[in-house]
C-alpha atoms as a PDB file:
ATOM      1  CA  MET A   1      17.514 -40.157 113.751  1.00  0.00           C
ATOM      2  CA  ALA A   2      19.955 -43.202 113.105  1.00  0.00           C
ATOM      3  CA  LYS A   3      22.341 -42.229 110.479  1.00  0.00           C
ATOM      4  CA  SER A   4      23.234 -44.441 107.746  1.00  0.00           C
ATOM      5  CA  GLU A   5      26.536 -46.139 106.922  1.00  0.00           C
ATOM      6  CA  LYS A   6      25.577 -44.809 103.412  1.00  0.00           C
ATOM      7  CA  TYR A   7      25.343 -41.401 104.496  1.00  0.00           C
ATOM      8  CA  GLU A   8      27.991 -41.313 107.156  1.00  0.00           C
ATOM      9  CA  LEU A   9      30.200 -42.391 103.635  1.00  0.00           C
ATOM     10  CA  ALA A  10      28.575 -39.856 101.307  1.00  0.00           C
ATOM     11  CA  ALA A  11      29.309 -36.944 103.692  1.00  0.00           C
ATOM     12  CA  LYS A  12      32.747 -38.136 104.371  1.00  0.00           C
ATOM     13  CA  LEU A  13      33.519 -38.082 100.643  1.00  0.00           C
ATOM     14  CA  LEU A  14      31.578 -34.815  99.986  1.00  0.00           C
ATOM     15  CA  THR A  15      33.402 -33.159 102.508  1.00  0.00           C
ATOM     16  CA  SER A  16      36.893 -33.881 101.092  1.00  0.00           C
ATOM     17  CA  GLY A  17      35.681 -33.392  97.735  1.00  0.00           C
ATOM     18  CA  SER A  18      35.909 -36.983  96.671  1.00  0.00           C
ATOM     19  CA  ILE A  19      32.406 -36.451  95.017  1.00  0.00           C
ATOM     20  CA  ASP A  20      32.539 -34.355  92.069  1.00  0.00           C
ATOM     21  CA  SER A  21      28.472 -35.031  90.788  1.00  0.00           C
ATOM     22  CA  LEU A  22      25.480 -35.967  91.963  1.00  0.00           C
ATOM     23  CA  ASP A  23      25.399 -38.954  89.909  1.00  0.00           C
ATOM     24  CA  GLN A  24      27.847 -40.282  92.384  1.00  0.00           C
ATOM     25  CA  LEU A  25      26.333 -38.952  95.187  1.00  0.00           C
ATOM     26  CA  PHE A  26      23.436 -41.158  94.386  1.00  0.00           C
ATOM     27  CA  VAL A  27      25.349 -44.527  93.511  1.00  0.00           C
ATOM     28  CA  ILE A  28      26.389 -44.005  96.934  1.00  0.00           C
ATOM     29  CA  VAL A  29      23.140 -43.187  98.628  1.00  0.00           C
ATOM     30  CA  GLY A  30      20.572 -44.996  96.894  1.00  0.00           C
ATOM     31  CA  THR A  31      17.421 -42.570  95.483  1.00  0.00           C
ATOM     32  CA  THR A  32      14.437 -44.342  97.284  1.00  0.00           C
ATOM     33  CA  GLN A  33      14.648 -44.018 100.833  1.00  0.00           C
ATOM     34  CA  PHE A  34      17.226 -41.024 100.245  1.00  0.00           C
ATOM     35  CA  SER A  35      14.421 -38.810  98.700  1.00  0.00           C
ATOM     36  CA  ARG A  36      11.979 -40.307 101.662  1.00  0.00           C
ATOM     37  CA  ASP A  37      15.000 -39.357 104.393  1.00  0.00           C
ATOM     38  CA  ALA A  38      14.910 -35.671 102.416  1.00  0.00           C
ATOM     39  CA  LYS A  39      11.072 -35.225 102.627  1.00  0.00           C
ATOM     40  CA  THR A  40      10.609 -35.740  98.690  1.00  0.00           C
ATOM     41  CA  SER A  41       9.044 -38.133  97.015  1.00  0.00           C
ATOM     42  CA  PRO A  42      11.123 -40.710  94.304  1.00  0.00           C
ATOM     43  CA  GLU A  43       9.547 -39.142  91.508  1.00  0.00           C
ATOM     44  CA  ARG A  44      10.472 -35.422  92.653  1.00  0.00           C
ATOM     45  CA  LEU A  45      13.967 -36.513  93.162  1.00  0.00           C
ATOM     46  CA  GLY A  46      14.231 -37.879  89.819  1.00  0.00           C
ATOM     47  CA  ARG A  47      13.031 -35.331  87.930  1.00  0.00           C
ATOM     48  CA  MET A  48      15.414 -32.674  90.025  1.00  0.00           C
ATOM     49  CA  LEU A  49      18.659 -35.394  88.758  1.00  0.00           C
ATOM     50  CA  HIS A  50      17.480 -34.790  85.071  1.00  0.00           C
ATOM     51  CA  ASN A  51      17.000 -31.295  85.482  1.00  0.00           C
ATOM     52  CA  PRO A  52      18.989 -29.721  88.809  1.00  0.00           C
ATOM     53  CA  LEU A  53      17.533 -26.699  87.808  1.00  0.00           C
ATOM     54  CA  LYS A  54      14.368 -27.693  89.229  1.00  0.00           C
ATOM     55  CA  PHE A  55      16.571 -28.005  92.948  1.00  0.00           C
ATOM     56  CA  ALA A  56      14.921 -25.827  95.293  1.00  0.00           C
ATOM     57  CA  TYR A  57      16.923 -24.701  98.255  1.00  0.00           C
ATOM     58  CA  ARG A  58      14.552 -26.619 100.551  1.00  0.00           C
ATOM     59  CA  ASP A  59      15.449 -29.619  98.873  1.00  0.00           C
ATOM     60  CA  ILE A  60      18.889 -28.671  99.380  1.00  0.00           C
ATOM     61  CA  PHE A  61      19.174 -28.286 103.313  1.00  0.00           C
ATOM     62  CA  ASN A  62      17.118 -31.105 103.289  1.00  0.00           C
ATOM     63  CA  MET A  63      19.643 -33.243 101.810  1.00  0.00           C
ATOM     64  CA  ALA A  64      21.956 -31.732 103.969  1.00  0.00           C
ATOM     65  CA  ARG A  65      20.012 -32.293 107.067  1.00  0.00           C
ATOM     66  CA  VAL A  66      19.796 -36.038 106.083  1.00  0.00           C
ATOM     67  CA  LEU A  67      23.643 -36.415 105.203  1.00  0.00           C
ATOM     68  CA  GLU A  68      24.203 -34.215 107.932  1.00  0.00           C
ATOM     69  CA  CYS A  69      26.834 -32.026 105.941  1.00  0.00           C
ATOM     70  CA  ASP A  70      27.251 -28.470 104.849  1.00  0.00           C
ATOM     71  CA  ALA A  71      24.355 -27.096 102.576  1.00  0.00           C
ATOM     72  CA  LYS A  72      26.806 -25.010 100.677  1.00  0.00           C
ATOM     73  CA  ILE A  73      28.927 -27.877  99.473  1.00  0.00           C
ATOM     74  CA  LEU A  74      25.857 -29.989  98.031  1.00  0.00           C
ATOM     75  CA  ALA A  75      24.344 -26.390  96.696  1.00  0.00           C
ATOM     76  CA  GLU A  76      27.607 -25.786  94.950  1.00  0.00           C
ATOM     77  CA  LEU A  77      27.476 -29.616  93.218  1.00  0.00           C
ATOM     78  CA  VAL A  78      23.744 -28.605  92.228  1.00  0.00           C
ATOM     79  CA  LEU A  79      25.335 -25.486  90.794  1.00  0.00           C
ATOM     80  CA  LYS A  80      27.907 -27.133  89.300  1.00  0.00           C
ATOM     81  CA  GLU A  81      25.586 -29.788  87.405  1.00  0.00           C
ATOM     82  CA  CYS A  82      23.506 -26.856  86.377  1.00  0.00           C
ATOM     83  CA  LEU A  83      26.371 -25.281  84.450  1.00  0.00           C
ATOM     84  CA  LEU A  84      27.809 -28.410  83.209  1.00  0.00           C
ATOM     85  CA  ARG A  85      24.144 -29.014  81.753  1.00  0.00           C
ATOM     86  CA  GLN A  86      24.151 -25.474  80.528  1.00  0.00           C
ATOM     87  CA  GLN A  87      27.577 -26.161  78.611  1.00  0.00           C
ATOM     88  CA  LYS A  88      26.505 -29.275  77.252  1.00  0.00           C
ATOM     89  CA  LYS A  89      23.336 -27.096  75.468  1.00  0.00           C
ATOM     90  CA  LYS A  90      25.663 -24.362  74.132  1.00  0.00           C
ATOM     91  CA  ALA A  91      27.839 -26.703  72.180  1.00  0.00           C
ATOM     92  CA  LYS A  92      24.971 -28.489  70.325  1.00  0.00           C
END
């Protein structure tokens, strides 16, 4: 698969630590085409972004394959989002 410039940029920013949320990642890569490249539907990706607990390892590995980056970086990003949302719920 020919790698999009958006994906290359996102992978570089992920590995450098400049991206620290899923929202920042998807501002760069967009959701619709990325979800199709990662072998999921845009609707499912939207649900996962709304509730990061719905991410499966399969989804993380597919995203890493598309971006050609380490899956561990994406897994840590998803975990960070889950923990942030959990803290927000406790604060209410």
